[in-house]
Each structure stands twice: as structure tokens, then as C-alpha cells.
């Protein structure tokens, strides 16, 4: 537990990003869900997604890799983030059929996520 389980690449043109990462690294992506979201299981032990660029912090467009760490309890992580001087930037939300996730910023403003997967 507490290991990197997922990372996302935020892109303005997701189709171009898919082509780029498939070409450079040989990763294979498939559309996932109804949104502008593509998932790869071939990027290593962590899943990789390419998704439309978003603002987890209002007014700040997310760039770079957005990492998510698997945890047992997202509420406990959110409390620990606040106690350690960080802030929650996206309150806990459910992802149907997946689990629940929260996004936070560390004291320097770096954003990451914590996810608890539903039991299978």
C-alpha cells in the first residue's frame, strides 16, 4: 500500500498525446469511459492515462505527470495532508466501479492524488 498506482498525462490534444506516447514508448491506449480519457496498462506496474487538461487548482492548468497513490483510507490521507501543512484541492469523490479519490497539494503546491480501490 502507499505505492504509485496511477499517473495521468494532461493534454490539450489527447489524440496527439496518445500517438506521441505510443510512438515513443510503445504504450498502447484504449478509450475509457465517455470522457476524453485514454488508459494504458502497458506503461509499467502503474496504469497510465491521457486525459484532457484540467484545473485541480482553480486557475492553474495541470501540466506534467499527475500521480495517484493507492491508500487504505482517503479520509485519513486528507486529514494527514492538512496536518502536515498541505491542502485538499479536490474533495473526496467516488469513481463508480473503481473507488474513491482525493487530490491534494503539498506545501510547495505540487498536486497528487490518493485513491482507495473498491474491493473486487
PDB file of N, CA and C in Angstrom:
ATOM      1  N   UNK A   1       0.841  -1.177   0.000  1.00  0.00           N
ATOM      2  CA  UNK A   1       0.000   0.000   0.000  1.00  0.00           C
ATOM      3  C   UNK A   1       0.885   1.238   0.000  1.00  0.00           C
ATOM      4  N   UNK A   2       0.310   2.383  -0.247  1.00  0.00           N
ATOM      5  CA  UNK A   2       1.026   3.657  -0.344  1.00  0.00           C
ATOM      6  C   UNK A   2       2.060   3.637  -1.462  1.00  0.00           C
ATOM      7  N   UNK A   3       1.718   2.972  -2.566  1.00  0.00           N
ATOM      8  CA  UNK A   3       2.588   2.915  -3.730  1.00  0.00           C
ATOM      9  C   UNK A   3       1.923   3.636  -4.897  1.00  0.00           C
ATOM     10  N   UNK A   4       2.749   4.160  -5.799  1.00  0.00           N
ATOM     11  CA  UNK A   4       2.231   4.790  -7.005  1.00  0.00           C
ATOM     12  C   UNK A   4       1.434   3.747  -7.772  1.00  0.00           C
ATOM     13  N   UNK A   5       0.170   4.056  -8.036  1.00  0.00           N
ATOM     14  CA  UNK A   5      -0.692   3.105  -8.728  1.00  0.00           C
ATOM     15  C   UNK A   5      -1.159   3.626 -10.081  1.00  0.00           C
ATOM     16  N   UNK A   6      -1.103   4.952 -10.262  1.00  0.00           N
ATOM     17  CA  UNK A   6      -1.653   5.557 -11.471  1.00  0.00           C
ATOM     18  C   UNK A   6      -0.975   6.892 -11.717  1.00  0.00           C
ATOM     19  N   UNK A   7      -0.726   7.192 -12.988  1.00  0.00           N
ATOM     20  CA  UNK A   7      -0.313   8.542 -13.331  1.00  0.00           C
ATOM     21  C   UNK A   7      -1.050   8.960 -14.590  1.00  0.00           C
ATOM     22  N   UNK A   8      -1.324  10.246 -14.660  1.00  0.00           N
ATOM     23  CA  UNK A   8      -2.060  10.791 -15.796  1.00  0.00           C
ATOM     24  C   UNK A   8      -1.220  11.861 -16.468  1.00  0.00           C
ATOM     25  N   UNK A   9      -1.366  11.935 -17.772  1.00  0.00           N
ATOM     26  CA  UNK A   9      -0.728  12.969 -18.566  1.00  0.00           C
ATOM     27  C   UNK A   9      -1.850  13.852 -19.080  1.00  0.00           C
ATOM     28  N   UNK A  10      -1.849  15.111 -18.660  1.00  0.00           N
ATOM     29  CA  UNK A  10      -2.879  16.052 -19.069  1.00  0.00           C
ATOM     30  C   UNK A  10      -2.479  16.675 -20.401  1.00  0.00           C
ATOM     31  N   UNK A  11      -3.404  16.713 -21.351  1.00  0.00           N
ATOM     32  CA  UNK A  11      -3.070  17.181 -22.689  1.00  0.00           C
ATOM     33  C   UNK A  11      -4.195  18.016 -23.284  1.00  0.00           C
ATOM     34  N   UNK A  12      -3.811  19.006 -24.059  1.00  0.00           N
ATOM     35  CA  UNK A  12      -4.798  19.800 -24.809  1.00  0.00           C
ATOM     36  C   UNK A  12      -5.394  18.946 -25.927  1.00  0.00           C
ATOM     37  N   UNK A  13      -4.548  18.189 -26.629  1.00  0.00           N
ATOM     38  CA  UNK A  13      -4.964  17.337 -27.740  1.00  0.00           C
ATOM     39  C   UNK A  13      -4.661  15.894 -27.349  1.00  0.00           C
ATOM     40  N   UNK A  14      -5.658  15.219 -26.786  1.00  0.00           N
ATOM     41  CA  UNK A  14      -5.420  13.872 -26.272  1.00  0.00           C
ATOM     42  C   UNK A  14      -5.059  12.881 -27.379  1.00  0.00           C
ATOM     43  N   UNK A  15      -5.650  13.027 -28.546  1.00  0.00           N
ATOM     44  CA  UNK A  15      -5.331  12.108 -29.649  1.00  0.00           C
ATOM     45  C   UNK A  15      -3.860  12.239 -30.032  1.00  0.00           C
ATOM     46  N   UNK A  16      -3.352  13.463 -30.092  1.00  0.00           N
ATOM     47  CA  UNK A  16      -1.940  13.680 -30.415  1.00  0.00           C
ATOM     48  C   UNK A  16      -1.048  13.123 -29.311  1.00  0.00           C
ATOM     49  N   UNK A  17      -1.463  13.286 -28.050  1.00  0.00           N
ATOM     50  CA  UNK A  17      -0.672  12.755 -26.935  1.00  0.00           C
ATOM     51  C   UNK A  17      -0.637  11.234 -26.982  1.00  0.00           C
ATOM     52  N   UNK A  18      -1.775  10.603 -27.284  1.00  0.00           N
ATOM     53  CA  UNK A  18      -1.813   9.148 -27.414  1.00  0.00           C
ATOM     54  C   UNK A  18      -0.827   8.708 -28.493  1.00  0.00           C
ATOM     55  N   UNK A  19      -0.880   9.343 -29.664  1.00  0.00           N
ATOM     56  CA  UNK A  19       0.037   8.980 -30.753  1.00  0.00           C
ATOM     57  C   UNK A  19       1.494   9.153 -30.325  1.00  0.00           C
ATOM     58  N   UNK A  20       1.799  10.244 -29.622  1.00  0.00           N
ATOM     59  CA  UNK A  20       3.158  10.526 -29.173  1.00  0.00           C
ATOM     60  C   UNK A  20       3.674   9.423 -28.256  1.00  0.00           C
ATOM     61  N   UNK A  21       2.941   9.107 -27.186  1.00  0.00           N
ATOM     62  CA  UNK A  21       3.412   8.122 -26.214  1.00  0.00           C
ATOM     63  C   UNK A  21       3.404   6.706 -26.774  1.00  0.00           C
ATOM     64  N   UNK A  22       2.472   6.404 -27.678  1.00  0.00           N
ATOM     65  CA  UNK A  22       2.507   5.105 -28.339  1.00  0.00           C
ATOM     66  C   UNK A  22       3.756   4.990 -29.206  1.00  0.00           C
ATOM     67  N   UNK A  23       4.082   6.073 -29.916  1.00  0.00           N
ATOM     68  CA  UNK A  23       5.238   6.073 -30.808  1.00  0.00           C
ATOM     69  C   UNK A  23       6.560   6.045 -30.038  1.00  0.00           C
ATOM     70  N   UNK A  24       6.671   6.859 -29.004  1.00  0.00           N
ATOM     71  CA  UNK A  24       7.937   6.975 -28.275  1.00  0.00           C
ATOM     72  C   UNK A  24       8.212   5.751 -27.403  1.00  0.00           C
ATOM     73  N   UNK A  25       7.203   5.286 -26.650  1.00  0.00           N
ATOM     74  CA  UNK A  25       7.424   4.213 -25.685  1.00  0.00           C
ATOM     75  C   UNK A  25       6.763   2.884 -26.045  1.00  0.00           C
ATOM     76  N   UNK A  26       5.935   2.865 -27.079  1.00  0.00           N
ATOM     77  CA  UNK A  26       5.247   1.638 -27.447  1.00  0.00           C
ATOM     78  C   UNK A  26       4.062   1.307 -26.555  1.00  0.00           C
ATOM     79  N   UNK A  27       3.631   2.270 -25.723  1.00  0.00           N
ATOM     80  CA  UNK A  27       2.472   2.039 -24.874  1.00  0.00           C
ATOM     81  C   UNK A  27       1.232   1.956 -25.744  1.00  0.00           C
ATOM     82  N   UNK A  28       0.271   1.145 -25.361  1.00  0.00           N
ATOM     83  CA  UNK A  28      -0.996   1.024 -26.089  1.00  0.00           C
ATOM     84  C   UNK A  28      -2.104   1.600 -25.221  1.00  0.00           C
ATOM     85  N   UNK A  29      -2.924   2.462 -25.802  1.00  0.00           N
ATOM     86  CA  UNK A  29      -4.004   3.122 -25.079  1.00  0.00           C
ATOM     87  C   UNK A  29      -5.348   2.696 -25.636  1.00  0.00           C
ATOM     88  N   UNK A  30      -6.346   2.693 -24.769  1.00  0.00           N
ATOM     89  CA  UNK A  30      -7.732   2.454 -25.191  1.00  0.00           C
ATOM     90  C   UNK A  30      -8.608   3.510 -24.531  1.00  0.00           C
ATOM     91  N   UNK A  31      -9.655   3.910 -25.253  1.00  0.00           N
ATOM     92  CA  UNK A  31     -10.604   4.864 -24.679  1.00  0.00           C
ATOM     93  C   UNK A  31     -11.247   4.222 -23.461  1.00  0.00           C
ATOM     94  N   UNK A  32     -11.431   5.018 -22.410  1.00  0.00           N
ATOM     95  CA  UNK A  32     -12.012   4.516 -21.173  1.00  0.00           C
ATOM     96  C   UNK A  32     -13.132   5.461 -20.771  1.00  0.00           C
ATOM     97  N   UNK A  33     -14.339   4.956 -20.670  1.00  0.00           N
ATOM     98  CA  UNK A  33     -15.477   5.792 -20.290  1.00  0.00           C
ATOM     99  C   UNK A  33     -15.934   6.678 -21.427  1.00  0.00           C
ATOM    100  N   UNK A  34     -16.757   7.637 -21.077  1.00  0.00           N
ATOM    101  CA  UNK A  34     -17.360   8.512 -22.076  1.00  0.00           C
ATOM    102  C   UNK A  34     -16.599   9.816 -22.269  1.00  0.00           C
ATOM    103  N   UNK A  35     -15.612  10.075 -21.429  1.00  0.00           N
ATOM    104  CA  UNK A  35     -14.908  11.350 -21.481  1.00  0.00           C
ATOM    105  C   UNK A  35     -13.672  11.254 -22.361  1.00  0.00           C
ATOM    106  N   UNK A  36     -12.957  12.348 -22.479  1.00  0.00           N
ATOM    107  CA  UNK A  36     -11.731  12.439 -23.251  1.00  0.00           C
ATOM    108  C   UNK A  36     -10.611  11.819 -22.414  1.00  0.00           C
ATOM    109  N   UNK A  37     -10.644  10.480 -22.264  1.00  0.00           N
ATOM    110  CA  UNK A  37      -9.781   9.769 -21.338  1.00  0.00           C
ATOM    111  C   UNK A  37      -9.339   8.457 -21.976  1.00  0.00           C
ATOM    112  N   UNK A  38      -8.046   8.232 -22.006  1.00  0.00           N
ATOM    113  CA  UNK A  38      -7.480   7.019 -22.589  1.00  0.00           C
ATOM    114  C   UNK A  38      -6.600   6.357 -21.542  1.00  0.00           C
ATOM    115  N   UNK A  39      -6.658   5.029 -21.454  1.00  0.00           N
ATOM    116  CA  UNK A  39      -5.932   4.304 -20.415  1.00  0.00           C
ATOM    117  C   UNK A  39      -4.971   3.294 -21.040  1.00  0.00           C
ATOM    118  N   UNK A  40      -3.824   3.134 -20.375  1.00  0.00           N
ATOM    119  CA  UNK A  40      -2.840   2.152 -20.805  1.00  0.00           C
ATOM    120  C   UNK A  40      -2.444   1.282 -19.627  1.00  0.00           C
ATOM    121  N   UNK A  41      -2.382  -0.009 -19.859  1.00  0.00           N
ATOM    122  CA  UNK A  41      -1.883  -0.961 -18.862  1.00  0.00           C
ATOM    123  C   UNK A  41      -0.451  -1.371 -19.203  1.00  0.00           C
ATOM    124  N   UNK A  42       0.102  -0.815 -20.295  1.00  0.00           N
ATOM    125  CA  UNK A  42       1.418  -1.254 -20.770  1.00  0.00           C
ATOM    126  C   UNK A  42       2.543  -0.299 -20.387  1.00  0.00           C
ATOM    127  N   UNK A  43       2.268   0.645 -19.479  1.00  0.00           N
ATOM    128  CA  UNK A  43       3.272   1.642 -19.103  1.00  0.00           C
ATOM    129  C   UNK A  43       4.070   1.232 -17.870  1.00  0.00           C
ATOM    130  N   UNK A  44       3.895   0.017 -17.405  1.00  0.00           N
ATOM    131  CA  UNK A  44       4.604  -0.451 -16.217  1.00  0.00           C
ATOM    132  C   UNK A  44       3.616  -0.916 -15.171  1.00  0.00           C
ATOM    133  N   UNK A  45       4.070  -1.054 -13.937  1.00  0.00           N
ATOM    134  CA  UNK A  45       3.145  -1.533 -12.907  1.00  0.00           C
ATOM    135  C   UNK A  45       2.019  -0.547 -12.605  1.00  0.00           C
ATOM    136  N   UNK A  46       2.260   0.743 -12.783  1.00  0.00           N
ATOM    137  CA  UNK A  46       1.206   1.747 -12.582  1.00  0.00           C
ATOM    138  C   UNK A  46       0.440   1.916 -13.887  1.00  0.00           C
ATOM    139  N   UNK A  47      -0.879   2.125 -13.800  1.00  0.00           N
ATOM    140  CA  UNK A  47      -1.630   2.427 -15.015  1.00  0.00           C
ATOM    141  C   UNK A  47      -1.346   3.867 -15.415  1.00  0.00           C
ATOM    142  N   UNK A  48      -1.460   4.129 -16.687  1.00  0.00           N
ATOM    143  CA  UNK A  48      -1.240   5.465 -17.220  1.00  0.00           C
ATOM    144  C   UNK A  48      -2.500   5.905 -17.942  1.00  0.00           C
ATOM    145  N   UNK A  49      -2.834   7.177 -17.824  1.00  0.00           N
ATOM    146  CA  UNK A  49      -3.967   7.729 -18.549  1.00  0.00           C
ATOM    147  C   UNK A  49      -3.535   8.999 -19.256  1.00  0.00           C
ATOM    148  N   UNK A  50      -4.133   9.229 -20.394  1.00  0.00           N
ATOM    149  CA  UNK A  50      -4.031  10.522 -21.057  1.00  0.00           C
ATOM    150  C   UNK A  50      -5.431  11.104 -20.986  1.00  0.00           C
ATOM    151  N   UNK A  51      -5.520  12.325 -20.476  1.00  0.00           N
ATOM    152  CA  UNK A  51      -6.824  12.949 -20.279  1.00  0.00           C
ATOM    153  C   UNK A  51      -6.753  14.412 -20.683  1.00  0.00           C
ATOM    154  N   UNK A  52      -7.934  14.970 -20.949  1.00  0.00           N
ATOM    155  CA  UNK A  52      -7.997  16.390 -21.257  1.00  0.00           C
ATOM    156  C   UNK A  52      -7.450  17.211 -20.094  1.00  0.00           C
ATOM    157  N   UNK A  53      -6.713  18.260 -20.426  1.00  0.00           N
ATOM    158  CA  UNK A  53      -6.104  19.099 -19.388  1.00  0.00           C
ATOM    159  C   UNK A  53      -7.188  19.677 -18.492  1.00  0.00           C
ATOM    160  N   UNK A  54      -6.894  19.733 -17.200  1.00  0.00           N
ATOM    161  CA  UNK A  54      -7.874  20.243 -16.242  1.00  0.00           C
ATOM    162  C   UNK A  54      -7.192  21.129 -15.223  1.00  0.00           C
ATOM    163  N   UNK A  55      -7.997  21.718 -14.359  1.00  0.00           N
ATOM    164  CA  UNK A  55      -7.514  22.597 -13.299  1.00  0.00           C
ATOM    165  C   UNK A  55      -7.895  21.991 -11.952  1.00  0.00           C
ATOM    166  N   UNK A  56      -6.988  21.244 -11.330  1.00  0.00           N
ATOM    167  CA  UNK A  56      -7.257  20.759  -9.980  1.00  0.00           C
ATOM    168  C   UNK A  56      -7.178  21.911  -8.994  1.00  0.00           C
ATOM    169  N   UNK A  57      -6.277  22.851  -9.259  1.00  0.00           N
ATOM    170  CA  UNK A  57      -6.214  24.100  -8.501  1.00  0.00           C
ATOM    171  C   UNK A  57      -6.826  25.156  -9.405  1.00  0.00           C
ATOM    172  N   UNK A  58      -7.935  25.794  -9.014  1.00  0.00           N
ATOM    173  CA  UNK A  58      -8.602  26.762  -9.884  1.00  0.00           C
ATOM    174  C   UNK A  58      -7.637  27.821 -10.419  1.00  0.00           C
ATOM    175  N   UNK A  59      -7.682  28.005 -11.741  1.00  0.00           N
ATOM    176  CA  UNK A  59      -6.831  28.987 -12.401  1.00  0.00           C
ATOM    177  C   UNK A  59      -5.448  28.475 -12.765  1.00  0.00           C
ATOM    178  N   UNK A  60      -5.124  27.226 -12.385  1.00  0.00           N
ATOM    179  CA  UNK A  60      -3.812  26.653 -12.693  1.00  0.00           C
ATOM    180  C   UNK A  60      -4.033  25.391 -13.522  1.00  0.00           C
ATOM    181  N   UNK A  61      -3.682  25.464 -14.803  1.00  0.00           N
ATOM    182  CA  UNK A  61      -3.856  24.305 -15.681  1.00  0.00           C
ATOM    183  C   UNK A  61      -2.797  23.266 -15.358  1.00  0.00           C
ATOM    184  N   UNK A  62      -3.210  22.033 -15.150  1.00  0.00           N
ATOM    185  CA  UNK A  62      -2.306  20.964 -14.758  1.00  0.00           C
ATOM    186  C   UNK A  62      -1.375  20.604 -15.906  1.00  0.00           C
ATOM    187  N   UNK A  63      -0.072  20.618 -15.617  1.00  0.00           N
ATOM    188  CA  UNK A  63       0.932  20.187 -16.590  1.00  0.00           C
ATOM    189  C   UNK A  63       1.785  19.114 -15.924  1.00  0.00           C
ATOM    190  N   UNK A  64       2.530  18.395 -16.712  1.00  0.00           N
ATOM    191  CA  UNK A  64       3.372  17.338 -16.166  1.00  0.00           C
ATOM    192  C   UNK A  64       2.552  16.108 -15.836  1.00  0.00           C
ATOM    193  N   UNK A  65       3.187  15.158 -15.191  1.00  0.00           N
ATOM    194  CA  UNK A  65       2.514  13.924 -14.822  1.00  0.00           C
ATOM    195  C   UNK A  65       1.775  14.137 -13.510  1.00  0.00           C
ATOM    196  N   UNK A  66       0.559  13.685 -13.455  1.00  0.00           N
ATOM    197  CA  UNK A  66      -0.296  13.776 -12.267  1.00  0.00           C
ATOM    198  C   UNK A  66      -0.331  12.384 -11.641  1.00  0.00           C
ATOM    199  N   UNK A  67       0.259  12.232 -10.472  1.00  0.00           N
ATOM    200  CA  UNK A  67       0.417  10.914  -9.847  1.00  0.00           C
ATOM    201  C   UNK A  67      -0.651  10.647  -8.796  1.00  0.00           C
ATOM    202  N   UNK A  68      -1.052   9.384  -8.691  1.00  0.00           N
ATOM    203  CA  UNK A  68      -2.028   8.959  -7.697  1.00  0.00           C
ATOM    204  C   UNK A  68      -1.464   7.760  -6.937  1.00  0.00           C
ATOM    205  N   UNK A  69      -1.596   7.794  -5.623  1.00  0.00           N
ATOM    206  CA  UNK A  69      -1.039   6.785  -4.738  1.00  0.00           C
ATOM    207  C   UNK A  69      -2.175   5.970  -4.136  1.00  0.00           C
ATOM    208  N   UNK A  70      -2.042   4.648  -4.164  1.00  0.00           N
ATOM    209  CA  UNK A  70      -3.066   3.773  -3.585  1.00  0.00           C
ATOM    210  C   UNK A  70      -2.938   3.771  -2.067  1.00  0.00           C
ATOM    211  N   UNK A  71      -4.073   3.983  -1.381  1.00  0.00           N
ATOM    212  CA  UNK A  71      -4.099   4.038   0.086  1.00  0.00           C
ATOM    213  C   UNK A  71      -5.276   3.217   0.609  1.00  0.00           C
ATOM    214  N   UNK A  72      -5.267   2.984   1.910  1.00  0.00           N
ATOM    215  CA  UNK A  72      -6.370   2.259   2.549  1.00  0.00           C
ATOM    216  C   UNK A  72      -7.552   3.164   2.863  1.00  0.00           C
ATOM    217  N   UNK A  73      -7.279   4.456   3.118  1.00  0.00           N
ATOM    218  CA  UNK A  73      -8.315   5.353   3.627  1.00  0.00           C
ATOM    219  C   UNK A  73      -8.042   6.779   3.141  1.00  0.00           C
ATOM    220  N   UNK A  74      -8.829   7.251   2.170  1.00  0.00           N
ATOM    221  CA  UNK A  74      -8.591   8.594   1.627  1.00  0.00           C
ATOM    222  C   UNK A  74      -8.923   9.686   2.636  1.00  0.00           C
ATOM    223  N   UNK A  75      -9.867   9.436   3.536  1.00  0.00           N
ATOM    224  CA  UNK A  75     -10.184  10.430   4.565  1.00  0.00           C
ATOM    225  C   UNK A  75      -8.989  10.639   5.493  1.00  0.00           C
ATOM    226  N   UNK A  76      -8.342   9.546   5.860  1.00  0.00           N
ATOM    227  CA  UNK A  76      -7.176   9.627   6.737  1.00  0.00           C
ATOM    228  C   UNK A  76      -6.040  10.381   6.041  1.00  0.00           C
ATOM    229  N   UNK A  77      -5.861  10.139   4.748  1.00  0.00           N
ATOM    230  CA  UNK A  77      -4.826  10.843   3.995  1.00  0.00           C
ATOM    231  C   UNK A  77      -5.138  12.338   3.937  1.00  0.00           C
ATOM    232  N   UNK A  78      -6.399  12.691   3.673  1.00  0.00           N
ATOM    233  CA  UNK A  78      -6.776  14.106   3.625  1.00  0.00           C
ATOM    234  C   UNK A  78      -6.489  14.792   4.958  1.00  0.00           C
ATOM    235  N   UNK A  79      -6.802  14.127   6.054  1.00  0.00           N
ATOM    236  CA  UNK A  79      -6.513  14.689   7.383  1.00  0.00           C
ATOM    237  C   UNK A  79      -5.015  14.860   7.586  1.00  0.00           C
ATOM    238  N   UNK A  80      -4.218  13.869   7.157  1.00  0.00           N
ATOM    239  CA  UNK A  80      -2.768  13.927   7.307  1.00  0.00           C
ATOM    240  C   UNK A  80      -2.173  15.042   6.453  1.00  0.00           C
ATOM    241  N   UNK A  81      -2.727  15.229   5.252  1.00  0.00           N
ATOM    242  CA  UNK A  81      -2.273  16.318   4.376  1.00  0.00           C
ATOM    243  C   UNK A  81      -2.450  17.661   5.071  1.00  0.00           C
ATOM    244  N   UNK A  82      -3.636  17.887   5.618  1.00  0.00           N
ATOM    245  CA  UNK A  82      -3.920  19.154   6.301  1.00  0.00           C
ATOM    246  C   UNK A  82      -3.013  19.326   7.517  1.00  0.00           C
ATOM    247  N   UNK A  83      -2.831  18.268   8.291  1.00  0.00           N
ATOM    248  CA  UNK A  83      -1.992  18.338   9.490  1.00  0.00           C
ATOM    249  C   UNK A  83      -0.529  18.614   9.145  1.00  0.00           C
ATOM    250  N   UNK A  84      -0.094  18.193   7.967  1.00  0.00           N
ATOM    251  CA  UNK A  84       1.298  18.368   7.561  1.00  0.00           C
ATOM    252  C   UNK A  84       1.531  19.669   6.796  1.00  0.00           C
ATOM    253  N   UNK A  85       0.488  20.513   6.678  1.00  0.00           N
ATOM    254  CA  UNK A  85       0.660  21.813   6.034  1.00  0.00           C
ATOM    255  C   UNK A  85       0.268  21.869   4.573  1.00  0.00           C
ATOM    256  N   UNK A  86      -0.322  20.790   4.057  1.00  0.00           N
ATOM    257  CA  UNK A  86      -0.809  20.799   2.682  1.00  0.00           C
ATOM    258  C   UNK A  86      -2.259  21.229   2.638  1.00  0.00           C
ATOM    259  N   UNK A  87      -2.877  21.083   1.473  1.00  0.00           N
ATOM    260  CA  UNK A  87      -4.301  21.407   1.358  1.00  0.00           C
ATOM    261  C   UNK A  87      -4.974  20.447   0.389  1.00  0.00           C
ATOM    262  N   UNK A  88      -6.233  20.211   0.631  1.00  0.00           N
ATOM    263  CA  UNK A  88      -7.037  19.373  -0.253  1.00  0.00           C
ATOM    264  C   UNK A  88      -7.529  20.272  -1.386  1.00  0.00           C
ATOM    265  N   UNK A  89      -7.254  19.868  -2.637  1.00  0.00           N
ATOM    266  CA  UNK A  89      -7.667  20.684  -3.783  1.00  0.00           C
ATOM    267  C   UNK A  89      -8.869  20.093  -4.504  1.00  0.00           C
ATOM    268  N   UNK A  90      -9.157  18.808  -4.278  1.00  0.00           N
ATOM    269  CA  UNK A  90     -10.386  18.196  -4.782  1.00  0.00           C
ATOM    270  C   UNK A  90     -10.867  17.245  -3.701  1.00  0.00           C
ATOM    271  N   UNK A  91     -12.012  17.565  -3.120  1.00  0.00           N
ATOM    272  CA  UNK A  91     -12.575  16.747  -2.051  1.00  0.00           C
ATOM    273  C   UNK A  91     -12.786  15.315  -2.531  1.00  0.00           C
ATOM    274  N   UNK A  92     -12.899  14.418  -1.591  1.00  0.00           N
ATOM    275  CA  UNK A  92     -13.117  13.009  -1.911  1.00  0.00           C
ATOM    276  C   UNK A  92     -14.303  12.872  -2.856  1.00  0.00           C
ATOM    277  N   UNK A  93     -14.096  12.080  -3.887  1.00  0.00           N
ATOM    278  CA  UNK A  93     -15.197  11.799  -4.798  1.00  0.00           C
ATOM    279  C   UNK A  93     -15.141  10.336  -5.198  1.00  0.00           C
ATOM    280  N   UNK A  94     -16.305   9.810  -5.537  1.00  0.00           N
ATOM    281  CA  UNK A  94     -16.421   8.407  -5.927  1.00  0.00           C
ATOM    282  C   UNK A  94     -16.236   8.287  -7.434  1.00  0.00           C
ATOM    283  N   UNK A  95     -15.547   7.235  -7.826  1.00  0.00           N
ATOM    284  CA  UNK A  95     -15.438   6.857  -9.233  1.00  0.00           C
ATOM    285  C   UNK A  95     -16.177   5.523  -9.335  1.00  0.00           C
ATOM    286  N   UNK A  96     -17.376   5.518  -9.923  1.00  0.00           N
ATOM    287  CA  UNK A  96     -18.191   4.299  -9.951  1.00  0.00           C
ATOM    288  C   UNK A  96     -17.423   3.097 -10.495  1.00  0.00           C
ATOM    289  N   UNK A  97     -17.476   2.009  -9.745  1.00  0.00           N
ATOM    290  CA  UNK A  97     -16.817   0.779 -10.150  1.00  0.00           C
ATOM    291  C   UNK A  97     -15.316   0.768  -9.917  1.00  0.00           C
ATOM    292  N   UNK A  98     -14.771   1.864  -9.368  1.00  0.00           N
ATOM    293  CA  UNK A  98     -13.322   1.954  -9.149  1.00  0.00           C
ATOM    294  C   UNK A  98     -13.019   2.141  -7.674  1.00  0.00           C
ATOM    295  N   UNK A  99     -13.536   3.214  -7.088  1.00  0.00           N
ATOM    296  CA  UNK A  99     -13.255   3.505  -5.686  1.00  0.00           C
ATOM    297  C   UNK A  99     -13.488   4.973  -5.392  1.00  0.00           C
ATOM    298  N   UNK A 100     -12.694   5.519  -4.467  1.00  0.00           N
ATOM    299  CA  UNK A 100     -12.814   6.939  -4.152  1.00  0.00           C
ATOM    300  C   UNK A 100     -11.436   7.565  -4.143  1.00  0.00           C
ATOM    301  N   UNK A 101     -11.392   8.851  -4.524  1.00  0.00           N
ATOM    302  CA  UNK A 101     -10.134   9.549  -4.713  1.00  0.00           C
ATOM    303  C   UNK A 101     -10.220  10.949  -4.131  1.00  0.00           C
ATOM    304  N   UNK A 102      -9.089  11.461  -3.698  1.00  0.00           N
ATOM    305  CA  UNK A 102      -8.957  12.829  -3.226  1.00  0.00           C
ATOM    306  C   UNK A 102      -7.666  13.373  -3.824  1.00  0.00           C
ATOM    307  N   UNK A 103      -7.649  14.646  -4.195  1.00  0.00           N
ATOM    308  CA  UNK A 103      -6.427  15.278  -4.674  1.00  0.00           C
ATOM    309  C   UNK A 103      -6.002  16.334  -3.683  1.00  0.00           C
ATOM    310  N   UNK A 104      -4.693  16.470  -3.526  1.00  0.00           N
ATOM    311  CA  UNK A 104      -4.141  17.403  -2.547  1.00  0.00           C
ATOM    312  C   UNK A 104      -2.912  18.091  -3.118  1.00  0.00           C
ATOM    313  N   UNK A 105      -2.543  19.196  -2.485  1.00  0.00           N
ATOM    314  CA  UNK A 105      -1.305  19.912  -2.811  1.00  0.00           C
ATOM    315  C   UNK A 105      -0.409  19.875  -1.588  1.00  0.00           C
ATOM    316  N   UNK A 106       0.870  19.617  -1.814  1.00  0.00           N
ATOM    317  CA  UNK A 106       1.822  19.671  -0.709  1.00  0.00           C
ATOM    318  C   UNK A 106       2.138  21.139  -0.410  1.00  0.00           C
ATOM    319  N   UNK A 107       2.929  21.433   0.619  1.00  0.00           N
ATOM    320  CA  UNK A 107       3.190  22.836   0.958  1.00  0.00           C
ATOM    321  C   UNK A 107       3.829  23.654  -0.167  1.00  0.00           C
ATOM    322  N   UNK A 108       4.499  22.987  -1.138  1.00  0.00           N
ATOM    323  CA  UNK A 108       5.091  23.701  -2.271  1.00  0.00           C
ATOM    324  C   UNK A 108       4.144  23.821  -3.454  1.00  0.00           C
ATOM    325  N   UNK A 109       2.922  23.289  -3.326  1.00  0.00           N
ATOM    326  CA  UNK A 109       1.938  23.390  -4.394  1.00  0.00           C
ATOM    327  C   UNK A 109       1.924  22.231  -5.365  1.00  0.00           C
ATOM    328  N   UNK A 110       2.742  21.206  -5.155  1.00  0.00           N
ATOM    329  CA  UNK A 110       2.720  20.028  -6.018  1.00  0.00           C
ATOM    330  C   UNK A 110       1.447  19.230  -5.749  1.00  0.00           C
ATOM    331  N   UNK A 111       0.752  18.860  -6.812  1.00  0.00           N
ATOM    332  CA  UNK A 111      -0.532  18.177  -6.680  1.00  0.00           C
ATOM    333  C   UNK A 111      -0.354  16.684  -6.911  1.00  0.00           C
ATOM    334  N   UNK A 112      -1.025  15.884  -6.091  1.00  0.00           N
ATOM    335  CA  UNK A 112      -1.041  14.428  -6.240  1.00  0.00           C
ATOM    336  C   UNK A 112      -2.403  13.933  -5.771  1.00  0.00           C
ATOM    337  N   UNK A 113      -2.671  12.672  -6.029  1.00  0.00           N
ATOM    338  CA  UNK A 113      -3.928  12.079  -5.613  1.00  0.00           C
ATOM    339  C   UNK A 113      -3.703  10.887  -4.714  1.00  0.00           C
ATOM    340  N   UNK A 114      -4.734  10.545  -3.964  1.00  0.00           N
ATOM    341  CA  UNK A 114      -4.750   9.332  -3.148  1.00  0.00           C
ATOM    342  C   UNK A 114      -6.049   8.611  -3.487  1.00  0.00           C
ATOM    343  N   UNK A 115      -5.957   7.310  -3.761  1.00  0.00           N
ATOM    344  CA  UNK A 115      -7.126   6.539  -4.162  1.00  0.00           C
ATOM    345  C   UNK A 115      -7.247   5.270  -3.327  1.00  0.00           C
ATOM    346  N   UNK A 116      -8.490   4.958  -2.988  1.00  0.00           N
ATOM    347  CA  UNK A 116      -8.820   3.681  -2.367  1.00  0.00           C
ATOM    348  C   UNK A 116      -9.681   2.933  -3.352  1.00  0.00           C
ATOM    349  N   UNK A 117      -9.217   1.771  -3.779  1.00  0.00           N
ATOM    350  CA  UNK A 117      -9.975   0.985  -4.746  1.00  0.00           C
ATOM    351  C   UNK A 117     -11.062   0.195  -4.036  1.00  0.00           C
ATOM    352  N   UNK A 118     -12.211   0.032  -4.713  1.00  0.00           N
ATOM    353  CA  UNK A 118     -13.270  -0.834  -4.212  1.00  0.00           C
ATOM    354  C   UNK A 118     -12.754  -2.267  -4.179  1.00  0.00           C
ATOM    355  N   UNK A 119     -13.230  -3.032  -3.216  1.00  0.00           N
ATOM    356  CA  UNK A 119     -12.883  -4.454  -3.178  1.00  0.00           C
ATOM    357  C   UNK A 119     -13.485  -5.120  -4.407  1.00  0.00           C
ATOM    358  N   UNK A 120     -12.750  -6.019  -4.982  1.00  0.00           N
ATOM    359  CA  UNK A 120     -13.210  -6.675  -6.202  1.00  0.00           C
ATOM    360  C   UNK A 120     -13.864  -7.986  -5.892  1.00  0.00           C
TER     361      UNK A 120
END
